[in-house]
Amino acid sequence: MGVEIERKFLVADDSWRGLAAASHPLRQGYLAVDGGITVRVRTDGQRAWLTVKGRGEGIRRPEFEYEIPANEADDMLALCRGRLVEKTRHLVEWHGHRWEVDEFRGANAGLTVAELELDDDTEVFSKPAWLGEEVTTDPRYLNASLAVHPFGSWER
């Protein structure tokens, strides 16, 4: 079974920008969101993937991802009925780990989140100074949740 082990943090400041090795826009839509189980289609404009994620336990959750033809992904995105998330993903190397810093656009503009995929639940990693609060277990920050309840509509 495929497994994703991930930690997620808010980003406290922009000092990570000078460390970004690459950036690319992502567009993803949710074909199904049901009690922690999601079916997502994602495109970076050239390549596309279909991803199925199961309910998580702590920082671990089942994940199955398959590359699909980009033109079919575009057709699938049209089926998502507005459950879309648009963001720019920046890749930042930090002390032997690759961080994915997602700057959200559209209805989630103003939100920037850093994610780190780990090999093990107990893996030790260095936290960069630009990290803010950890939101790994806060379901509001799941991309599937942001597709249904965008950051821009939250009361703060």
C-alpha atoms as a PDB file:
ATOM      1  CA  MET A   1       0.000   0.000   0.000  1.00  0.00           C
ATOM      2  CA  GLY A   2       1.197   3.542  -0.770  1.00  0.00           C
ATOM      3  CA  VAL A   3       1.682   5.722   2.293  1.00  0.00           C
ATOM      4  CA  GLU A   4       2.209   9.463   2.707  1.00  0.00           C
ATOM      5  CA  ILE A   5       3.970  10.633   5.875  1.00  0.00           C
ATOM      6  CA  GLU A   6       3.827  14.410   5.963  1.00  0.00           C
ATOM      7  CA  ARG A   7       4.291  17.362   8.316  1.00  0.00           C
ATOM      8  CA  LYS A   8       2.711  20.718   7.473  1.00  0.00           C
ATOM      9  CA  PHE A   9       3.524  24.212   8.780  1.00  0.00           C
ATOM     10  CA  LEU A  10       2.368  27.747   8.185  1.00  0.00           C
ATOM     11  CA  VAL A  11       5.119  29.964   6.774  1.00  0.00           C
ATOM     12  CA  ALA A  12       6.134  32.798   9.091  1.00  0.00           C
ATOM     13  CA  ASP A  13       8.049  35.020   6.651  1.00  0.00           C
ATOM     14  CA  ASP A  14       9.471  35.257   3.128  1.00  0.00           C
ATOM     15  CA  SER A  15      13.096  34.396   3.942  1.00  0.00           C
ATOM     16  CA  TRP A  16      12.649  31.002   2.199  1.00  0.00           C
ATOM     17  CA  ARG A  17      12.284  32.703  -1.227  1.00  0.00           C
ATOM     18  CA  GLY A  18      16.014  32.989  -1.863  1.00  0.00           C
ATOM     19  CA  LEU A  19      16.363  29.248  -1.222  1.00  0.00           C
ATOM     20  CA  ALA A  20      13.771  28.070  -3.763  1.00  0.00           C
ATOM     21  CA  ALA A  21      15.441  25.888  -6.399  1.00  0.00           C
ATOM     22  CA  ALA A  22      12.355  25.559  -8.614  1.00  0.00           C
ATOM     23  CA  SER A  23       8.753  26.752  -8.795  1.00  0.00           C
ATOM     24  CA  HIS A  24       5.757  25.610 -10.793  1.00  0.00           C
ATOM     25  CA  PRO A  25       2.015  26.307 -10.834  1.00  0.00           C
ATOM     26  CA  LEU A  26      -0.376  23.551  -9.776  1.00  0.00           C
ATOM     27  CA  ARG A  27      -4.085  23.244 -10.343  1.00  0.00           C
ATOM     28  CA  GLN A  28      -5.967  20.521  -8.574  1.00  0.00           C
ATOM     29  CA  GLY A  29      -9.575  19.551  -8.243  1.00  0.00           C
ATOM     30  CA  TYR A  30     -11.462  17.111  -6.080  1.00  0.00           C
ATOM     31  CA  LEU A  31     -13.700  14.576  -7.770  1.00  0.00           C
ATOM     32  CA  ALA A  32     -14.701  13.119  -4.391  1.00  0.00           C
ATOM     33  CA  VAL A  33     -14.369  14.292  -0.791  1.00  0.00           C
ATOM     34  CA  ASP A  34     -15.988  11.944   1.702  1.00  0.00           C
ATOM     35  CA  GLY A  35     -15.049  11.624   5.354  1.00  0.00           C
ATOM     36  CA  GLY A  36     -11.309  11.976   4.901  1.00  0.00           C
ATOM     37  CA  ILE A  37     -11.153   9.957   1.684  1.00  0.00           C
ATOM     38  CA  THR A  38     -10.408  12.008  -1.430  1.00  0.00           C
ATOM     39  CA  VAL A  39      -9.965  11.519  -5.150  1.00  0.00           C
ATOM     40  CA  ARG A  40      -7.931  14.350  -6.663  1.00  0.00           C
ATOM     41  CA  VAL A  41      -6.768  15.289 -10.141  1.00  0.00           C
ATOM     42  CA  ARG A  42      -3.711  17.565 -10.383  1.00  0.00           C
ATOM     43  CA  THR A  43      -1.952  19.206 -13.288  1.00  0.00           C
ATOM     44  CA  ASP A  44       1.178  21.315 -13.569  1.00  0.00           C
ATOM     45  CA  GLY A  45       0.270  22.361 -17.115  1.00  0.00           C
ATOM     46  CA  GLN A  46       2.346  19.641 -18.781  1.00  0.00           C
ATOM     47  CA  ARG A  47       1.882  16.538 -16.638  1.00  0.00           C
ATOM     48  CA  ALA A  48      -1.058  15.283 -14.608  1.00  0.00           C
ATOM     49  CA  TRP A  49      -1.855  12.802 -11.838  1.00  0.00           C
ATOM     50  CA  LEU A  50      -4.855  11.117 -10.294  1.00  0.00           C
ATOM     51  CA  THR A  51      -4.469  10.631  -6.536  1.00  0.00           C
ATOM     52  CA  VAL A  52      -6.560   8.684  -4.040  1.00  0.00           C
ATOM     53  CA  LYS A  53      -5.957   9.417  -0.352  1.00  0.00           C
ATOM     54  CA  GLY A  54      -7.427   7.567   2.616  1.00  0.00           C
ATOM     55  CA  ARG A  55      -8.167   8.616   6.175  1.00  0.00           C
ATOM     56  CA  GLY A  56      -5.079   9.588   8.088  1.00  0.00           C
ATOM     57  CA  GLU A  57      -3.713   8.322  11.380  1.00  0.00           C
ATOM     58  CA  GLY A  58      -1.488  10.996  12.899  1.00  0.00           C
ATOM     59  CA  ILE A  59       0.903  12.154  10.158  1.00  0.00           C
ATOM     60  CA  ARG A  60       0.438   8.984   8.058  1.00  0.00           C
ATOM     61  CA  ARG A  61      -2.248   8.283   5.463  1.00  0.00           C
ATOM     62  CA  PRO A  62      -2.765   5.887   2.552  1.00  0.00           C
ATOM     63  CA  GLU A  63      -1.960   7.468  -0.821  1.00  0.00           C
ATOM     64  CA  PHE A  64      -2.077   6.086  -4.361  1.00  0.00           C
ATOM     65  CA  GLU A  65      -0.939   8.295  -7.244  1.00  0.00           C
ATOM     66  CA  TYR A  66      -0.980   7.613 -10.992  1.00  0.00           C
ATOM     67  CA  GLU A  67       0.210   9.727 -13.883  1.00  0.00           C
ATOM     68  CA  ILE A  68      -2.552  10.329 -16.433  1.00  0.00           C
ATOM     69  CA  PRO A  69      -2.708  12.138 -19.806  1.00  0.00           C
ATOM     70  CA  ALA A  70      -2.800  15.935 -19.284  1.00  0.00           C
ATOM     71  CA  ASN A  71      -5.728  16.407 -21.674  1.00  0.00           C
ATOM     72  CA  GLU A  72      -7.796  13.890 -19.691  1.00  0.00           C
ATOM     73  CA  ALA A  73      -6.883  15.716 -16.465  1.00  0.00           C
ATOM     74  CA  ASP A  74      -8.246  18.943 -17.946  1.00  0.00           C
ATOM     75  CA  ASP A  75     -11.520  17.156 -18.701  1.00  0.00           C
ATOM     76  CA  MET A  76     -11.610  15.748 -15.153  1.00  0.00           C
ATOM     77  CA  LEU A  77     -10.982  19.187 -13.636  1.00  0.00           C
ATOM     78  CA  ALA A  78     -14.169  20.342 -15.365  1.00  0.00           C
ATOM     79  CA  LEU A  79     -16.034  17.651 -13.363  1.00  0.00           C
ATOM     80  CA  CYS A  80     -14.866  19.037 -10.009  1.00  0.00           C
ATOM     81  CA  ARG A  81     -17.728  21.550  -9.794  1.00  0.00           C
ATOM     82  CA  GLY A  82     -15.706  24.373  -8.312  1.00  0.00           C
ATOM     83  CA  ARG A  83     -13.772  22.251  -5.800  1.00  0.00           C
ATOM     84  CA  LEU A  84     -10.482  23.611  -7.104  1.00  0.00           C
ATOM     85  CA  VAL A  85      -7.213  24.663  -5.504  1.00  0.00           C
ATOM     86  CA  GLU A  86      -4.635  26.752  -7.352  1.00  0.00           C
ATOM     87  CA  LYS A  87      -1.154  27.325  -6.009  1.00  0.00           C
ATOM     88  CA  THR A  88       2.472  27.801  -6.890  1.00  0.00           C
ATOM     89  CA  ARG A  89       4.755  25.147  -5.441  1.00  0.00           C
ATOM     90  CA  HIS A  90       8.300  26.172  -4.590  1.00  0.00           C
ATOM     91  CA  LEU A  91      10.917  23.495  -3.866  1.00  0.00           C
ATOM     92  CA  VAL A  92      13.326  24.399  -1.076  1.00  0.00           C
ATOM     93  CA  GLU A  93      16.247  22.199  -0.004  1.00  0.00           C
ATOM     94  CA  TRP A  94      17.054  22.518   3.704  1.00  0.00           C
ATOM     95  CA  HIS A  95      19.529  20.370   5.626  1.00  0.00           C
ATOM     96  CA  GLY A  96      19.014  17.238   3.539  1.00  0.00           C
ATOM     97  CA  HIS A  97      15.254  17.535   3.103  1.00  0.00           C
ATOM     98  CA  ARG A  98      13.120  18.930   0.313  1.00  0.00           C
ATOM     99  CA  TRP A  99      10.403  21.279   1.531  1.00  0.00           C
ATOM    100  CA  GLU A 100       7.420  22.086  -0.682  1.00  0.00           C
ATOM    101  CA  VAL A 101       6.293  25.655  -0.034  1.00  0.00           C
ATOM    102  CA  ASP A 102       2.823  26.211  -1.463  1.00  0.00           C
ATOM    103  CA  GLU A 103       1.658  29.763  -2.142  1.00  0.00           C
ATOM    104  CA  PHE A 104      -2.060  29.584  -2.703  1.00  0.00           C
ATOM    105  CA  ARG A 105      -3.920  31.678  -5.277  1.00  0.00           C
ATOM    106  CA  GLY A 106      -7.565  32.370  -6.014  1.00  0.00           C
ATOM    107  CA  ALA A 107      -9.993  31.772  -3.138  1.00  0.00           C
ATOM    108  CA  ASN A 108      -7.082  30.656  -0.916  1.00  0.00           C
ATOM    109  CA  ALA A 109      -4.848  33.672  -1.617  1.00  0.00           C
ATOM    110  CA  GLY A 110      -2.906  34.844   1.418  1.00  0.00           C
ATOM    111  CA  LEU A 111      -2.149  31.316   2.630  1.00  0.00           C
ATOM    112  CA  THR A 112       1.392  29.928   2.399  1.00  0.00           C
ATOM    113  CA  VAL A 113       2.119  26.457   3.755  1.00  0.00           C
ATOM    114  CA  ALA A 114       5.332  24.406   3.904  1.00  0.00           C
ATOM    115  CA  GLU A 115       5.094  20.616   3.705  1.00  0.00           C
ATOM    116  CA  LEU A 116       7.728  17.974   4.304  1.00  0.00           C
ATOM    117  CA  GLU A 117       7.316  14.337   3.288  1.00  0.00           C
ATOM    118  CA  LEU A 118       9.164  11.945   5.556  1.00  0.00           C
ATOM    119  CA  ASP A 119      10.271   8.323   5.266  1.00  0.00           C
ATOM    120  CA  ASP A 120       9.214   7.492   8.814  1.00  0.00           C
ATOM    121  CA  ASP A 121       6.870   8.885  11.475  1.00  0.00           C
ATOM    122  CA  THR A 122       9.796   9.481  13.839  1.00  0.00           C
ATOM    123  CA  GLU A 123      12.247  10.933  11.296  1.00  0.00           C
ATOM    124  CA  VAL A 124      14.181  13.872  12.705  1.00  0.00           C
ATOM    125  CA  PHE A 125      14.513  17.031  10.596  1.00  0.00           C
ATOM    126  CA  SER A 126      15.850  20.540  10.998  1.00  0.00           C
ATOM    127  CA  LYS A 127      13.161  23.231  11.151  1.00  0.00           C
ATOM    128  CA  PRO A 128      14.040  26.353   9.178  1.00  0.00           C
ATOM    129  CA  ALA A 129      13.535  29.712  10.922  1.00  0.00           C
ATOM    130  CA  TRP A 130      10.866  30.677   8.365  1.00  0.00           C
ATOM    131  CA  LEU A 131       8.463  28.004   9.651  1.00  0.00           C
ATOM    132  CA  GLY A 132       5.524  29.082  11.751  1.00  0.00           C
ATOM    133  CA  GLU A 133       2.852  27.082  13.552  1.00  0.00           C
ATOM    134  CA  GLU A 134       2.544  23.385  12.765  1.00  0.00           C
ATOM    135  CA  VAL A 135      -0.873  22.582  11.249  1.00  0.00           C
ATOM    136  CA  THR A 136      -0.342  18.910  10.363  1.00  0.00           C
ATOM    137  CA  THR A 137      -3.356  17.719  12.333  1.00  0.00           C
ATOM    138  CA  ASP A 138      -5.633  20.708  11.627  1.00  0.00           C
ATOM    139  CA  PRO A 139      -8.082  19.457   8.972  1.00  0.00           C
ATOM    140  CA  ARG A 140      -8.800  23.010   7.753  1.00  0.00           C
ATOM    141  CA  TYR A 141      -5.381  23.028   6.052  1.00  0.00           C
ATOM    142  CA  LEU A 142      -5.934  19.866   4.019  1.00  0.00           C
ATOM    143  CA  ASN A 143      -6.075  20.819   0.353  1.00  0.00           C
ATOM    144  CA  ALA A 144      -9.385  18.957   0.045  1.00  0.00           C
ATOM    145  CA  SER A 145     -10.788  21.138   2.851  1.00  0.00           C
ATOM    146  CA  LEU A 146      -9.434  24.291   1.194  1.00  0.00           C
ATOM    147  CA  ALA A 147     -11.261  23.290  -2.007  1.00  0.00           C
ATOM    148  CA  VAL A 148     -14.582  23.211  -0.130  1.00  0.00           C
ATOM    149  CA  HIS A 149     -13.952  25.916   2.517  1.00  0.00           C
ATOM    150  CA  PRO A 150     -11.366  28.327   1.040  1.00  0.00           C
ATOM    151  CA  PHE A 151      -8.995  30.259   3.286  1.00  0.00           C
ATOM    152  CA  GLY A 152     -10.444  33.538   1.979  1.00  0.00           C
ATOM    153  CA  SER A 153     -13.814  32.727   3.561  1.00  0.00           C
ATOM    154  CA  TRP A 154     -12.468  31.952   7.050  1.00  0.00           C
ATOM    155  CA  GLU A 155     -13.301  34.250   9.942  1.00  0.00           C
ATOM    156  CA  ARG A 156     -10.037  35.498  11.463  1.00  0.00           C
END
